[in-house]
Amino acid sequence: MKNLYLILGCCIVLFSCKKEDQGAGHFDISVGFVYRDVNNVDLLDPNTVSIFKAADIDIYCLTNAGEKRRIYRANLDRPEMFKVEHQGNELGYVLTLGFGPDGDCYDQNNKATMYIRYKDGSEDTLVGEFNSDRGNGYTQLKKLWVNNKLEWSGYPASKLNLVLKK
């Protein structure tokens, strides 16, 4: 009887082990946008005549099927996939976007296209190119185009803040 318990215990231990989940890996792809007018006024600052309010901004991506799809994940703390926060006196308010591949919003050339759409219907187009060696589970932004202009290239993209003049 003891042998039966020993064998059963060994089987439970052996079959309860599971391979480590490789998961989605680590993403180093947050990008911040500082909005300024020609007079260098912070357009996200709620204490001024703020033109851009977080409630009036939506994020879209270009799917592999060539369609724009709004990114919204109701199960997350920030389902709209961006935040607006004050980053100190030098930067002021920054819109930080979790930029990157989102399911079918990622093409075969390691690029993702996203859109920041504003209440008035205008939008900014963002195209990010990511490292091709993601086998190690680490996705990193290498280049970023804003409205067809290369705005950033290099590593790492963390703490990247770009100024958009409106």
N, C-alpha and C. Protein backbone atom coordinates (compact mmCIF):
# COMPACT_ATOMS: atom_id res chain seq x y z
N MET A 1 0.82 -1.20 0.00
CA MET A 1 0.00 0.00 0.00
C MET A 1 0.87 1.26 0.00
N LYS A 2 2.00 1.19 0.78
CA LYS A 2 2.90 2.35 0.80
C LYS A 2 3.47 2.62 -0.58
N ASN A 3 3.78 1.53 -1.32
CA ASN A 3 4.32 1.69 -2.67
C ASN A 3 3.31 2.37 -3.60
N LEU A 4 2.05 2.04 -3.42
CA LEU A 4 1.00 2.64 -4.24
C LEU A 4 0.93 4.14 -3.97
N TYR A 5 0.98 4.53 -2.70
CA TYR A 5 0.98 5.95 -2.37
C TYR A 5 2.22 6.66 -2.90
N LEU A 6 3.35 5.99 -2.82
CA LEU A 6 4.60 6.57 -3.31
C LEU A 6 4.53 6.77 -4.83
N ILE A 7 4.06 5.79 -5.54
CA ILE A 7 3.92 5.89 -7.00
C ILE A 7 2.92 6.97 -7.36
N LEU A 8 1.79 7.00 -6.68
CA LEU A 8 0.77 8.00 -6.93
C LEU A 8 1.31 9.41 -6.65
N GLY A 9 2.04 9.56 -5.57
CA GLY A 9 2.64 10.85 -5.22
C GLY A 9 3.64 11.30 -6.27
N CYS A 10 4.48 10.38 -6.74
CA CYS A 10 5.46 10.71 -7.78
C CYS A 10 4.76 11.13 -9.07
N CYS A 11 3.69 10.43 -9.43
CA CYS A 11 2.95 10.77 -10.65
C CYS A 11 2.33 12.16 -10.54
N ILE A 12 1.78 12.47 -9.39
CA ILE A 12 1.18 13.79 -9.19
C ILE A 12 2.23 14.88 -9.34
N VAL A 13 3.40 14.66 -8.72
CA VAL A 13 4.46 15.65 -8.81
C VAL A 13 4.95 15.80 -10.24
N LEU A 14 5.16 14.70 -10.94
CA LEU A 14 5.67 14.76 -12.30
C LEU A 14 4.68 15.43 -13.26
N PHE A 15 3.41 15.09 -13.13
CA PHE A 15 2.42 15.63 -14.06
C PHE A 15 1.92 17.03 -13.67
N SER A 16 2.21 17.45 -12.46
CA SER A 16 1.80 18.80 -12.07
C SER A 16 2.82 19.85 -12.51
N CYS A 17 4.02 19.42 -12.87
CA CYS A 17 5.01 20.36 -13.39
C CYS A 17 4.58 20.79 -14.78
N LYS A 18 4.78 22.05 -15.05
CA LYS A 18 4.44 22.52 -16.40
C LYS A 18 5.57 23.37 -16.92
N LYS A 19 5.64 23.42 -18.24
CA LYS A 19 6.66 24.21 -18.90
C LYS A 19 6.43 25.68 -18.60
N GLU A 20 7.51 26.42 -18.41
CA GLU A 20 7.39 27.84 -18.12
C GLU A 20 6.73 28.54 -19.30
N ASP A 21 5.75 29.36 -19.01
CA ASP A 21 5.01 30.09 -20.03
C ASP A 21 5.90 31.18 -20.61
N GLN A 22 6.08 31.12 -21.93
CA GLN A 22 6.88 32.15 -22.59
C GLN A 22 6.11 33.45 -22.71
N GLY A 23 4.79 33.37 -22.75
CA GLY A 23 3.94 34.55 -22.73
C GLY A 23 4.26 35.54 -23.84
N ALA A 24 3.78 36.74 -23.65
CA ALA A 24 3.96 37.78 -24.65
C ALA A 24 5.31 38.47 -24.52
N GLY A 25 5.99 38.27 -23.43
CA GLY A 25 7.29 38.88 -23.25
C GLY A 25 7.19 40.30 -22.73
N HIS A 26 8.29 41.00 -22.86
CA HIS A 26 8.39 42.37 -22.36
C HIS A 26 8.30 43.35 -23.52
N PHE A 27 7.53 44.41 -23.32
CA PHE A 27 7.37 45.43 -24.34
C PHE A 27 7.95 46.74 -23.82
N ASP A 28 8.90 47.29 -24.55
CA ASP A 28 9.52 48.57 -24.20
C ASP A 28 9.10 49.58 -25.27
N ILE A 29 7.82 49.98 -25.23
CA ILE A 29 7.30 50.73 -26.36
C ILE A 29 6.34 51.85 -25.97
N SER A 30 6.48 52.42 -24.80
CA SER A 30 5.66 53.57 -24.44
C SER A 30 6.27 54.83 -25.03
N VAL A 31 5.41 55.64 -25.64
CA VAL A 31 5.85 56.88 -26.26
C VAL A 31 5.01 58.02 -25.70
N GLY A 32 5.66 59.11 -25.34
CA GLY A 32 4.96 60.27 -24.81
C GLY A 32 4.89 61.38 -25.85
N PHE A 33 3.76 62.08 -25.87
CA PHE A 33 3.58 63.20 -26.78
C PHE A 33 3.24 64.45 -25.99
N VAL A 34 4.00 65.50 -26.24
CA VAL A 34 3.78 66.80 -25.63
C VAL A 34 3.19 67.68 -26.72
N TYR A 35 2.02 68.26 -26.46
CA TYR A 35 1.34 69.08 -27.46
C TYR A 35 1.55 70.55 -27.15
N ARG A 36 2.07 71.28 -28.12
CA ARG A 36 2.33 72.71 -27.98
C ARG A 36 1.77 73.45 -29.19
N ASP A 37 1.38 74.71 -28.97
CA ASP A 37 0.99 75.56 -30.09
C ASP A 37 2.20 76.39 -30.52
N VAL A 38 2.02 77.29 -31.46
CA VAL A 38 3.14 78.09 -31.96
C VAL A 38 3.74 78.99 -30.89
N ASN A 39 2.97 79.30 -29.84
CA ASN A 39 3.46 80.12 -28.73
C ASN A 39 4.01 79.27 -27.59
N ASN A 40 4.18 77.97 -27.82
CA ASN A 40 4.70 77.01 -26.85
C ASN A 40 3.76 76.78 -25.66
N VAL A 41 2.47 77.03 -25.84
CA VAL A 41 1.47 76.79 -24.79
C VAL A 41 1.14 75.30 -24.76
N ASP A 42 1.08 74.74 -23.57
CA ASP A 42 0.76 73.32 -23.37
C ASP A 42 -0.72 73.10 -23.68
N LEU A 43 -1.00 72.38 -24.76
CA LEU A 43 -2.39 72.16 -25.21
C LEU A 43 -3.11 71.05 -24.45
N LEU A 44 -2.40 70.34 -23.57
CA LEU A 44 -3.03 69.31 -22.74
C LEU A 44 -3.32 69.81 -21.32
N ASP A 45 -2.81 70.97 -20.98
CA ASP A 45 -2.95 71.51 -19.62
C ASP A 45 -4.40 71.89 -19.34
N PRO A 46 -5.06 71.23 -18.39
CA PRO A 46 -6.46 71.53 -18.10
C PRO A 46 -6.64 72.91 -17.43
N ASN A 47 -5.55 73.51 -16.96
CA ASN A 47 -5.62 74.82 -16.32
C ASN A 47 -5.56 75.97 -17.33
N THR A 48 -5.37 75.65 -18.60
CA THR A 48 -5.37 76.66 -19.66
C THR A 48 -6.52 76.34 -20.60
N VAL A 49 -6.57 77.04 -21.69
CA VAL A 49 -7.58 76.72 -22.71
C VAL A 49 -7.09 75.46 -23.41
N SER A 50 -7.31 74.34 -22.77
CA SER A 50 -6.83 73.05 -23.24
C SER A 50 -7.61 72.62 -24.47
N ILE A 51 -6.91 72.49 -25.57
CA ILE A 51 -7.57 72.08 -26.81
C ILE A 51 -7.80 70.58 -26.82
N PHE A 52 -6.86 69.83 -26.27
CA PHE A 52 -6.96 68.37 -26.29
C PHE A 52 -7.30 67.85 -24.90
N LYS A 53 -8.46 67.24 -24.80
CA LYS A 53 -8.89 66.60 -23.56
C LYS A 53 -8.85 65.08 -23.76
N ALA A 54 -8.43 64.37 -22.74
CA ALA A 54 -8.30 62.91 -22.85
C ALA A 54 -9.61 62.26 -23.30
N ALA A 55 -10.74 62.78 -22.85
CA ALA A 55 -12.03 62.20 -23.22
C ALA A 55 -12.34 62.37 -24.70
N ASP A 56 -11.63 63.27 -25.37
CA ASP A 56 -11.88 63.55 -26.78
C ASP A 56 -10.85 62.90 -27.71
N ILE A 57 -10.09 61.95 -27.19
CA ILE A 57 -9.03 61.29 -27.96
C ILE A 57 -9.30 59.79 -28.01
N ASP A 58 -9.15 59.22 -29.19
CA ASP A 58 -9.26 57.76 -29.36
C ASP A 58 -8.02 57.26 -30.09
N ILE A 59 -7.66 56.02 -29.81
CA ILE A 59 -6.50 55.39 -30.43
C ILE A 59 -7.00 54.28 -31.36
N TYR A 60 -6.49 54.28 -32.57
CA TYR A 60 -6.83 53.26 -33.57
C TYR A 60 -5.56 52.59 -34.05
N CYS A 61 -5.72 51.41 -34.64
CA CYS A 61 -4.59 50.75 -35.27
C CYS A 61 -5.03 50.31 -36.67
N LEU A 62 -4.05 50.08 -37.52
CA LEU A 62 -4.30 49.55 -38.85
C LEU A 62 -4.14 48.05 -38.77
N THR A 63 -5.20 47.32 -39.07
CA THR A 63 -5.15 45.85 -38.99
C THR A 63 -4.47 45.28 -40.23
N ASN A 64 -4.15 44.00 -40.17
CA ASN A 64 -3.56 43.31 -41.32
C ASN A 64 -4.52 43.30 -42.50
N ALA A 65 -5.82 43.46 -42.23
CA ALA A 65 -6.82 43.50 -43.30
C ALA A 65 -6.93 44.90 -43.91
N GLY A 66 -6.14 45.87 -43.41
CA GLY A 66 -6.16 47.21 -43.96
C GLY A 66 -7.27 48.09 -43.41
N GLU A 67 -7.86 47.71 -42.29
CA GLU A 67 -8.94 48.49 -41.69
C GLU A 67 -8.45 49.16 -40.41
N LYS A 68 -9.00 50.34 -40.13
CA LYS A 68 -8.71 51.00 -38.86
C LYS A 68 -9.65 50.43 -37.80
N ARG A 69 -9.04 50.02 -36.68
CA ARG A 69 -9.83 49.47 -35.57
C ARG A 69 -9.50 50.24 -34.31
N ARG A 70 -10.55 50.69 -33.62
CA ARG A 70 -10.35 51.39 -32.36
C ARG A 70 -9.81 50.43 -31.32
N ILE A 71 -8.79 50.87 -30.58
CA ILE A 71 -8.23 50.04 -29.53
C ILE A 71 -8.88 50.45 -28.21
N TYR A 72 -9.58 49.51 -27.62
CA TYR A 72 -10.25 49.75 -26.34
C TYR A 72 -10.37 48.41 -25.64
N ARG A 73 -9.80 48.31 -24.46
CA ARG A 73 -9.84 47.06 -23.69
C ARG A 73 -10.54 47.32 -22.36
N ALA A 74 -11.79 46.99 -22.30
CA ALA A 74 -12.63 47.29 -21.14
C ALA A 74 -12.13 46.63 -19.86
N ASN A 75 -11.34 45.58 -19.96
CA ASN A 75 -10.87 44.88 -18.77
C ASN A 75 -9.65 45.53 -18.11
N LEU A 76 -9.11 46.59 -18.70
CA LEU A 76 -7.91 47.23 -18.16
C LEU A 76 -8.24 48.49 -17.38
N ASP A 77 -7.30 48.92 -16.54
CA ASP A 77 -7.48 50.16 -15.78
C ASP A 77 -7.58 51.37 -16.70
N ARG A 78 -6.82 51.34 -17.78
CA ARG A 78 -6.87 52.40 -18.80
C ARG A 78 -7.27 51.75 -20.12
N PRO A 79 -8.56 51.50 -20.30
CA PRO A 79 -9.00 50.75 -21.48
C PRO A 79 -8.73 51.47 -22.79
N GLU A 80 -8.57 52.79 -22.74
CA GLU A 80 -8.32 53.54 -23.97
C GLU A 80 -6.86 53.45 -24.42
N MET A 81 -6.01 52.81 -23.61
CA MET A 81 -4.61 52.52 -23.92
C MET A 81 -3.69 53.75 -23.96
N PHE A 82 -4.07 54.82 -23.27
CA PHE A 82 -3.18 55.96 -23.11
C PHE A 82 -3.54 56.67 -21.81
N LYS A 83 -2.66 57.58 -21.40
CA LYS A 83 -2.92 58.39 -20.21
C LYS A 83 -2.35 59.77 -20.43
N VAL A 84 -2.92 60.75 -19.74
CA VAL A 84 -2.41 62.12 -19.77
C VAL A 84 -2.04 62.47 -18.33
N GLU A 85 -0.76 62.77 -18.13
CA GLU A 85 -0.26 63.07 -16.78
C GLU A 85 0.73 64.22 -16.85
N HIS A 86 0.81 64.94 -15.73
CA HIS A 86 1.79 66.02 -15.62
C HIS A 86 3.15 65.41 -15.34
N GLN A 87 4.15 65.77 -16.13
CA GLN A 87 5.49 65.19 -16.02
C GLN A 87 6.53 66.20 -15.53
N GLY A 88 6.09 67.21 -14.80
CA GLY A 88 7.03 68.21 -14.30
C GLY A 88 6.96 69.49 -15.10
N ASN A 89 7.63 70.51 -14.61
CA ASN A 89 7.55 71.84 -15.22
C ASN A 89 8.15 71.90 -16.61
N GLU A 90 9.19 71.14 -16.87
CA GLU A 90 9.84 71.21 -18.17
C GLU A 90 8.96 70.65 -19.28
N LEU A 91 8.38 69.48 -19.06
CA LEU A 91 7.54 68.86 -20.08
C LEU A 91 6.08 69.29 -19.99
N GLY A 92 5.60 69.51 -18.79
CA GLY A 92 4.18 69.80 -18.62
C GLY A 92 3.36 68.52 -18.73
N TYR A 93 2.23 68.59 -19.40
CA TYR A 93 1.36 67.42 -19.56
C TYR A 93 1.80 66.60 -20.76
N VAL A 94 1.79 65.28 -20.57
CA VAL A 94 2.24 64.36 -21.60
C VAL A 94 1.17 63.30 -21.82
N LEU A 95 0.86 63.05 -23.10
CA LEU A 95 -0.01 61.93 -23.46
C LEU A 95 0.92 60.75 -23.71
N THR A 96 0.84 59.73 -22.85
CA THR A 96 1.69 58.55 -22.99
C THR A 96 0.86 57.43 -23.59
N LEU A 97 1.37 56.89 -24.67
CA LEU A 97 0.67 55.88 -25.44
C LEU A 97 1.43 54.58 -25.38
N GLY A 98 0.73 53.49 -25.06
CA GLY A 98 1.33 52.16 -25.14
C GLY A 98 1.36 51.75 -26.59
N PHE A 99 2.40 52.17 -27.29
CA PHE A 99 2.48 51.99 -28.73
C PHE A 99 3.04 50.63 -29.07
N GLY A 100 2.39 49.92 -29.96
CA GLY A 100 2.98 48.67 -30.38
C GLY A 100 2.01 47.68 -30.96
N PRO A 101 2.54 46.51 -31.26
CA PRO A 101 1.74 45.48 -31.90
C PRO A 101 0.60 45.03 -31.01
N ASP A 102 -0.58 44.99 -31.58
CA ASP A 102 -1.78 44.62 -30.84
C ASP A 102 -2.54 43.59 -31.66
N GLY A 103 -2.25 42.32 -31.44
CA GLY A 103 -2.95 41.28 -32.17
C GLY A 103 -2.75 41.39 -33.66
N ASP A 104 -3.83 41.68 -34.37
CA ASP A 104 -3.75 41.76 -35.83
C ASP A 104 -3.28 43.12 -36.33
N CYS A 105 -2.82 43.99 -35.42
CA CYS A 105 -2.33 45.32 -35.79
C CYS A 105 -0.82 45.32 -35.92
N TYR A 106 -0.29 44.37 -36.64
CA TYR A 106 1.15 44.20 -36.73
C TYR A 106 1.44 43.53 -38.06
N ASP A 107 2.26 44.14 -38.90
CA ASP A 107 2.48 43.55 -40.22
C ASP A 107 3.72 42.65 -40.25
N GLN A 108 3.94 42.05 -41.40
CA GLN A 108 5.05 41.10 -41.56
C GLN A 108 6.41 41.79 -41.59
N ASN A 109 6.44 43.11 -41.72
CA ASN A 109 7.71 43.84 -41.77
C ASN A 109 8.09 44.42 -40.41
N ASN A 110 7.55 43.86 -39.34
CA ASN A 110 7.84 44.30 -37.98
C ASN A 110 7.42 45.75 -37.74
N LYS A 111 6.32 46.16 -38.37
CA LYS A 111 5.82 47.51 -38.20
C LYS A 111 4.38 47.48 -37.70
N ALA A 112 4.03 48.52 -36.97
CA ALA A 112 2.65 48.71 -36.52
C ALA A 112 2.27 50.15 -36.83
N THR A 113 1.05 50.34 -37.30
CA THR A 113 0.54 51.68 -37.59
C THR A 113 -0.59 51.98 -36.64
N MET A 114 -0.48 53.12 -35.98
CA MET A 114 -1.52 53.54 -35.05
C MET A 114 -1.90 54.97 -35.36
N TYR A 115 -3.09 55.34 -34.92
CA TYR A 115 -3.62 56.68 -35.17
C TYR A 115 -4.11 57.27 -33.86
N ILE A 116 -3.79 58.53 -33.64
CA ILE A 116 -4.37 59.28 -32.52
C ILE A 116 -5.43 60.16 -33.17
N ARG A 117 -6.70 59.87 -32.89
CA ARG A 117 -7.80 60.63 -33.50
C ARG A 117 -8.38 61.58 -32.46
N TYR A 118 -8.62 62.81 -32.90
CA TYR A 118 -9.11 63.88 -32.03
C TYR A 118 -10.59 64.14 -32.31
N LYS A 119 -11.21 64.83 -31.38
CA LYS A 119 -12.65 65.10 -31.44
C LYS A 119 -13.07 65.76 -32.76
N ASP A 120 -12.22 66.64 -33.30
CA ASP A 120 -12.57 67.35 -34.53
C ASP A 120 -12.43 66.49 -35.78
N GLY A 121 -12.01 65.21 -35.62
CA GLY A 121 -11.87 64.29 -36.74
C GLY A 121 -10.46 64.22 -37.30
N SER A 122 -9.59 65.15 -36.91
CA SER A 122 -8.20 65.09 -37.39
C SER A 122 -7.47 63.98 -36.64
N GLU A 123 -6.34 63.58 -37.18
CA GLU A 123 -5.58 62.52 -36.53
C GLU A 123 -4.10 62.63 -36.87
N ASP A 124 -3.30 62.04 -36.02
CA ASP A 124 -1.88 61.89 -36.26
C ASP A 124 -1.62 60.42 -36.54
N THR A 125 -0.80 60.15 -37.54
CA THR A 125 -0.46 58.78 -37.93
C THR A 125 0.91 58.43 -37.38
N LEU A 126 0.98 57.31 -36.68
CA LEU A 126 2.23 56.83 -36.09
C LEU A 126 2.58 55.49 -36.70
N VAL A 127 3.81 55.35 -37.16
CA VAL A 127 4.28 54.06 -37.67
C VAL A 127 5.53 53.71 -36.89
N GLY A 128 5.49 52.58 -36.23
CA GLY A 128 6.63 52.13 -35.45
C GLY A 128 7.24 50.89 -36.05
N GLU A 129 8.56 50.84 -36.07
CA GLU A 129 9.27 49.65 -36.51
C GLU A 129 9.92 49.02 -35.28
N PHE A 130 9.75 47.71 -35.16
CA PHE A 130 10.20 47.00 -33.97
C PHE A 130 11.34 46.04 -34.32
N ASN A 131 12.08 45.63 -33.30
CA ASN A 131 13.18 44.69 -33.50
C ASN A 131 12.64 43.40 -34.10
N SER A 132 13.44 42.80 -34.98
CA SER A 132 13.01 41.57 -35.64
C SER A 132 13.44 40.33 -34.86
N ASP A 133 14.29 40.49 -33.88
CA ASP A 133 14.79 39.35 -33.10
C ASP A 133 14.03 39.22 -31.79
N ARG A 134 12.73 39.03 -31.90
CA ARG A 134 11.88 38.97 -30.70
C ARG A 134 11.83 37.58 -30.09
N GLY A 135 12.66 36.67 -30.53
CA GLY A 135 12.66 35.32 -30.00
C GLY A 135 12.96 35.27 -28.52
N ASN A 136 13.63 36.30 -28.02
CA ASN A 136 13.95 36.32 -26.59
C ASN A 136 12.79 36.89 -25.76
N GLY A 137 11.64 37.16 -26.39
CA GLY A 137 10.48 37.65 -25.66
C GLY A 137 10.52 39.13 -25.34
N TYR A 138 11.39 39.88 -26.02
CA TYR A 138 11.54 41.31 -25.73
C TYR A 138 11.28 42.10 -27.00
N THR A 139 10.20 42.88 -27.00
CA THR A 139 9.85 43.70 -28.15
C THR A 139 10.24 45.13 -27.86
N GLN A 140 10.99 45.72 -28.79
CA GLN A 140 11.51 47.07 -28.56
C GLN A 140 11.31 47.91 -29.82
N LEU A 141 10.88 49.15 -29.60
CA LEU A 141 10.70 50.09 -30.68
C LEU A 141 12.05 50.56 -31.19
N LYS A 142 12.27 50.50 -32.52
CA LYS A 142 13.53 50.93 -33.12
C LYS A 142 13.41 52.28 -33.81
N LYS A 143 12.28 52.50 -34.51
CA LYS A 143 12.07 53.74 -35.25
C LYS A 143 10.62 54.16 -35.12
N LEU A 144 10.40 55.46 -35.18
CA LEU A 144 9.03 55.97 -35.09
C LEU A 144 8.85 57.12 -36.08
N TRP A 145 7.85 56.97 -36.95
CA TRP A 145 7.46 58.02 -37.88
C TRP A 145 6.17 58.64 -37.38
N VAL A 146 6.09 59.96 -37.40
CA VAL A 146 4.87 60.67 -37.06
C VAL A 146 4.47 61.48 -38.29
N ASN A 147 3.28 61.19 -38.81
CA ASN A 147 2.78 61.86 -40.02
C ASN A 147 3.81 61.80 -41.15
N ASN A 148 4.33 60.58 -41.37
CA ASN A 148 5.27 60.27 -42.46
C ASN A 148 6.65 60.91 -42.31
N LYS A 149 6.97 61.42 -41.15
CA LYS A 149 8.30 62.00 -40.91
C LYS A 149 8.99 61.19 -39.81
N LEU A 150 10.21 60.71 -40.09
CA LEU A 150 10.96 59.97 -39.09
C LEU A 150 11.29 60.91 -37.94
N GLU A 151 10.73 60.62 -36.76
CA GLU A 151 10.91 61.48 -35.59
C GLU A 151 11.89 60.91 -34.58
N TRP A 152 12.11 59.60 -34.64
CA TRP A 152 13.00 58.99 -33.65
C TRP A 152 13.56 57.69 -34.19
N SER A 153 14.82 57.43 -33.85
CA SER A 153 15.48 56.19 -34.22
C SER A 153 16.52 55.88 -33.16
N GLY A 154 16.55 54.65 -32.70
CA GLY A 154 17.55 54.24 -31.71
C GLY A 154 16.97 53.38 -30.61
N TYR A 155 17.80 53.10 -29.61
CA TYR A 155 17.40 52.33 -28.44
C TYR A 155 17.78 53.12 -27.21
N PRO A 156 17.19 52.95 -26.09
CA PRO A 156 15.85 52.39 -25.91
C PRO A 156 14.80 53.48 -26.07
N ALA A 157 13.58 53.05 -26.30
CA ALA A 157 12.49 54.01 -26.50
C ALA A 157 11.84 54.44 -25.19
N SER A 158 12.17 53.78 -24.09
CA SER A 158 11.57 54.13 -22.83
C SER A 158 11.88 55.59 -22.51
N LYS A 159 10.93 56.29 -21.94
CA LYS A 159 11.05 57.71 -21.60
C LYS A 159 11.14 58.59 -22.85
N LEU A 160 10.67 58.09 -23.99
CA LEU A 160 10.69 58.87 -25.22
C LEU A 160 9.51 59.83 -25.22
N ASN A 161 9.79 61.12 -25.33
CA ASN A 161 8.75 62.15 -25.39
C ASN A 161 8.99 63.02 -26.61
N LEU A 162 8.00 63.11 -27.47
CA LEU A 162 8.09 63.91 -28.68
C LEU A 162 7.16 65.10 -28.57
N VAL A 163 7.58 66.25 -29.09
CA VAL A 163 6.76 67.45 -29.07
C VAL A 163 6.01 67.55 -30.40
N LEU A 164 4.69 67.63 -30.34
CA LEU A 164 3.87 67.83 -31.54
C LEU A 164 3.33 69.24 -31.53
N LYS A 165 3.64 69.99 -32.56
CA LYS A 165 3.15 71.37 -32.68
C LYS A 165 1.80 71.33 -33.40
N LYS A 166 0.83 72.02 -32.82
CA LYS A 166 -0.52 72.07 -33.41
C LYS A 166 -0.94 73.50 -33.63
